[in-house]
């Protein structure tokens, strides 16, 4: 009877997935130095833009990217597009006077719907 019993394995104890055929993406390790002289390493994808400043995961201080020779790396500043707010985009389409007129029209409509006096 014991010869015909099924053998099982404990649930969650072992993974049936193997590492066979898995290729990891190329990575770069960058070194950052904090103002107190301590350094830490951060791993990035080889395709990523490496930032010049990174926050230390342990102390929370900002570190500056350093090269292999220990000197800080200066990354050329590119023209970064300033994010526009909704207000900026609205002002591109209408003048301030037009916006005030629309606001007053809408407030008048809402007050009339509630039964309030329009001029109040």
C-alpha atoms as a PDB file:
ATOM      1  CA  UNK A   1       0.000   0.000   0.000  1.00  0.00           C
ATOM      2  CA  UNK A   2       2.830   2.370   0.792  1.00  0.00           C
ATOM      3  CA  UNK A   3       4.314   1.842  -2.682  1.00  0.00           C
ATOM      4  CA  UNK A   4       1.239   3.271  -4.375  1.00  0.00           C
ATOM      5  CA  UNK A   5       0.892   6.435  -2.281  1.00  0.00           C
ATOM      6  CA  UNK A   6       1.562   9.787  -3.906  1.00  0.00           C
ATOM      7  CA  UNK A   7       4.389  11.884  -2.704  1.00  0.00           C
ATOM      8  CA  UNK A   8       3.681  15.532  -2.264  1.00  0.00           C
ATOM      9  CA  UNK A   9       5.583  18.580  -1.218  1.00  0.00           C
ATOM     10  CA  UNK A  10       4.840  21.208   1.347  1.00  0.00           C
ATOM     11  CA  UNK A  11       2.974  24.210   0.041  1.00  0.00           C
ATOM     12  CA  UNK A  12       5.035  27.364  -0.150  1.00  0.00           C
ATOM     13  CA  UNK A  13       8.284  25.681   0.804  1.00  0.00           C
ATOM     14  CA  UNK A  14       9.849  25.544  -2.626  1.00  0.00           C
ATOM     15  CA  UNK A  15       9.330  27.302  -5.910  1.00  0.00           C
ATOM     16  CA  UNK A  16       8.842  25.180  -8.982  1.00  0.00           C
ATOM     17  CA  UNK A  17      10.083  28.016 -11.183  1.00  0.00           C
ATOM     18  CA  UNK A  18      13.718  27.851 -12.244  1.00  0.00           C
ATOM     19  CA  UNK A  19      16.225  30.513 -13.272  1.00  0.00           C
ATOM     20  CA  UNK A  20      16.728  28.777 -16.596  1.00  0.00           C
ATOM     21  CA  UNK A  21      16.285  31.081 -19.596  1.00  0.00           C
ATOM     22  CA  UNK A  22      16.067  34.255 -17.491  1.00  0.00           C
ATOM     23  CA  UNK A  23      18.272  37.120 -18.653  1.00  0.00           C
ATOM     24  CA  UNK A  24      18.511  40.220 -16.522  1.00  0.00           C
ATOM     25  CA  UNK A  25      18.627  43.658 -18.077  1.00  0.00           C
ATOM     26  CA  UNK A  26      22.029  45.357 -18.114  1.00  0.00           C
ATOM     27  CA  UNK A  27      22.692  47.470 -15.026  1.00  0.00           C
ATOM     28  CA  UNK A  28      25.059  50.209 -13.899  1.00  0.00           C
ATOM     29  CA  UNK A  29      26.117  50.878 -10.324  1.00  0.00           C
ATOM     30  CA  UNK A  30      26.655  54.561  -9.540  1.00  0.00           C
ATOM     31  CA  UNK A  31      28.432  55.883  -6.462  1.00  0.00           C
ATOM     32  CA  UNK A  32      27.214  58.966  -4.600  1.00  0.00           C
ATOM     33  CA  UNK A  33      29.055  60.909  -1.904  1.00  0.00           C
ATOM     34  CA  UNK A  34      27.361  62.837   0.882  1.00  0.00           C
ATOM     35  CA  UNK A  35      28.642  66.074   2.411  1.00  0.00           C
ATOM     36  CA  UNK A  36      30.103  64.168   5.392  1.00  0.00           C
ATOM     37  CA  UNK A  37      32.290  62.069   3.046  1.00  0.00           C
ATOM     38  CA  UNK A  38      30.304  58.837   3.312  1.00  0.00           C
ATOM     39  CA  UNK A  39      29.443  57.097   0.053  1.00  0.00           C
ATOM     40  CA  UNK A  40      26.622  54.834  -1.081  1.00  0.00           C
ATOM     41  CA  UNK A  41      25.857  52.968  -4.271  1.00  0.00           C
ATOM     42  CA  UNK A  42      22.677  52.918  -6.343  1.00  0.00           C
ATOM     43  CA  UNK A  43      21.972  50.466  -9.164  1.00  0.00           C
ATOM     44  CA  UNK A  44      20.298  51.798 -12.305  1.00  0.00           C
ATOM     45  CA  UNK A  45      19.308  50.306 -15.625  1.00  0.00           C
ATOM     46  CA  UNK A  46      21.947  50.774 -18.320  1.00  0.00           C
ATOM     47  CA  UNK A  47      19.372  52.739 -20.354  1.00  0.00           C
ATOM     48  CA  UNK A  48      18.470  55.164 -17.554  1.00  0.00           C
ATOM     49  CA  UNK A  49      19.676  58.741 -17.221  1.00  0.00           C
ATOM     50  CA  UNK A  50      21.820  58.828 -14.093  1.00  0.00           C
ATOM     51  CA  UNK A  51      20.818  61.770 -11.849  1.00  0.00           C
ATOM     52  CA  UNK A  52      23.535  64.009 -10.440  1.00  0.00           C
ATOM     53  CA  UNK A  53      21.956  64.078  -6.965  1.00  0.00           C
ATOM     54  CA  UNK A  54      20.390  61.128  -5.096  1.00  0.00           C
ATOM     55  CA  UNK A  55      19.033  60.764  -1.569  1.00  0.00           C
ATOM     56  CA  UNK A  56      20.764  58.227   0.662  1.00  0.00           C
ATOM     57  CA  UNK A  57      18.451  55.352   1.580  1.00  0.00           C
ATOM     58  CA  UNK A  58      19.917  55.125   5.092  1.00  0.00           C
ATOM     59  CA  UNK A  59      20.460  58.697   6.257  1.00  0.00           C
ATOM     60  CA  UNK A  60      18.210  60.687   3.922  1.00  0.00           C
ATOM     61  CA  UNK A  61      21.037  63.091   3.051  1.00  0.00           C
ATOM     62  CA  UNK A  62      21.631  64.058  -0.551  1.00  0.00           C
ATOM     63  CA  UNK A  63      24.654  62.590  -2.268  1.00  0.00           C
ATOM     64  CA  UNK A  64      26.454  63.887  -5.352  1.00  0.00           C
ATOM     65  CA  UNK A  65      27.401  61.510  -8.172  1.00  0.00           C
ATOM     66  CA  UNK A  66      31.135  60.792  -8.178  1.00  0.00           C
ATOM     67  CA  UNK A  67      33.302  59.235 -10.862  1.00  0.00           C
ATOM     68  CA  UNK A  68      35.646  56.264 -10.402  1.00  0.00           C
ATOM     69  CA  UNK A  69      38.514  58.657  -9.583  1.00  0.00           C
ATOM     70  CA  UNK A  70      36.510  60.181  -6.697  1.00  0.00           C
ATOM     71  CA  UNK A  71      35.755  63.526  -8.333  1.00  0.00           C
ATOM     72  CA  UNK A  72      32.179  64.814  -8.618  1.00  0.00           C
ATOM     73  CA  UNK A  73      30.583  64.277 -12.021  1.00  0.00           C
ATOM     74  CA  UNK A  74      29.162  67.386 -13.653  1.00  0.00           C
ATOM     75  CA  UNK A  75      26.232  66.591 -15.889  1.00  0.00           C
ATOM     76  CA  UNK A  76      25.401  69.203 -18.488  1.00  0.00           C
ATOM     77  CA  UNK A  77      22.080  70.838 -17.788  1.00  0.00           C
ATOM     78  CA  UNK A  78      19.615  70.282 -20.590  1.00  0.00           C
ATOM     79  CA  UNK A  79      16.750  72.581 -21.376  1.00  0.00           C
ATOM     80  CA  UNK A  80      14.081  71.222 -19.098  1.00  0.00           C
ATOM     81  CA  UNK A  81      10.518  72.072 -19.896  1.00  0.00           C
ATOM     82  CA  UNK A  82       8.819  73.784 -16.984  1.00  0.00           C
ATOM     83  CA  UNK A  83       5.581  71.977 -16.138  1.00  0.00           C
ATOM     84  CA  UNK A  84       2.523  74.058 -16.916  1.00  0.00           C
ATOM     85  CA  UNK A  85      -0.336  74.264 -14.467  1.00  0.00           C
ATOM     86  CA  UNK A  86      -4.010  74.243 -15.392  1.00  0.00           C
ATOM     87  CA  UNK A  87      -4.101  77.972 -14.672  1.00  0.00           C
ATOM     88  CA  UNK A  88      -1.257  78.613 -17.147  1.00  0.00           C
ATOM     89  CA  UNK A  89      -3.035  76.669 -19.872  1.00  0.00           C
ATOM     90  CA  UNK A  90      -6.286  78.499 -19.142  1.00  0.00           C
ATOM     91  CA  UNK A  91      -4.559  81.870 -19.443  1.00  0.00           C
ATOM     92  CA  UNK A  92      -3.214  80.823 -22.844  1.00  0.00           C
ATOM     93  CA  UNK A  93      -6.780  80.456 -24.138  1.00  0.00           C
ATOM     94  CA  UNK A  94      -8.582  83.352 -22.402  1.00  0.00           C
ATOM     95  CA  UNK A  95      -7.778  86.738 -20.887  1.00  0.00           C
ATOM     96  CA  UNK A  96      -8.300  87.455 -17.225  1.00  0.00           C
ATOM     97  CA  UNK A  97     -11.275  89.736 -18.028  1.00  0.00           C
ATOM     98  CA  UNK A  98     -12.973  86.937 -19.987  1.00  0.00           C
ATOM     99  CA  UNK A  99     -12.427  84.537 -17.096  1.00  0.00           C
ATOM    100  CA  UNK A 100     -13.932  86.978 -14.587  1.00  0.00           C
ATOM    101  CA  UNK A 101     -16.959  87.472 -16.861  1.00  0.00           C
ATOM    102  CA  UNK A 102     -17.445  83.689 -17.160  1.00  0.00           C
ATOM    103  CA  UNK A 103     -17.092  83.294 -13.397  1.00  0.00           C
ATOM    104  CA  UNK A 104     -19.732  85.951 -12.724  1.00  0.00           C
ATOM    105  CA  UNK A 105     -22.113  84.360 -15.255  1.00  0.00           C
ATOM    106  CA  UNK A 106     -21.711  80.940 -13.656  1.00  0.00           C
ATOM    107  CA  UNK A 107     -22.088  82.273 -10.110  1.00  0.00           C
ATOM    108  CA  UNK A 108     -25.247  84.121 -11.191  1.00  0.00           C
ATOM    109  CA  UNK A 109     -26.651  80.925 -12.669  1.00  0.00           C
ATOM    110  CA  UNK A 110     -25.882  78.895  -9.536  1.00  0.00           C
ATOM    111  CA  UNK A 111     -27.312  81.548  -7.205  1.00  0.00           C
ATOM    112  CA  UNK A 112     -30.482  81.803  -9.316  1.00  0.00           C
ATOM    113  CA  UNK A 113     -30.877  78.037  -9.132  1.00  0.00           C
ATOM    114  CA  UNK A 114     -30.668  78.161  -5.341  1.00  0.00           C
ATOM    115  CA  UNK A 115     -33.163  81.016  -5.222  1.00  0.00           C
ATOM    116  CA  UNK A 116     -30.716  83.617  -3.961  1.00  0.00           C
ATOM    117  CA  UNK A 117     -30.671  87.176  -5.159  1.00  0.00           C
ATOM    118  CA  UNK A 118     -28.310  87.551  -8.153  1.00  0.00           C
ATOM    119  CA  UNK A 119     -26.732  90.840  -7.012  1.00  0.00           C
ATOM    120  CA  UNK A 120     -26.014  89.607  -3.453  1.00  0.00           C
END
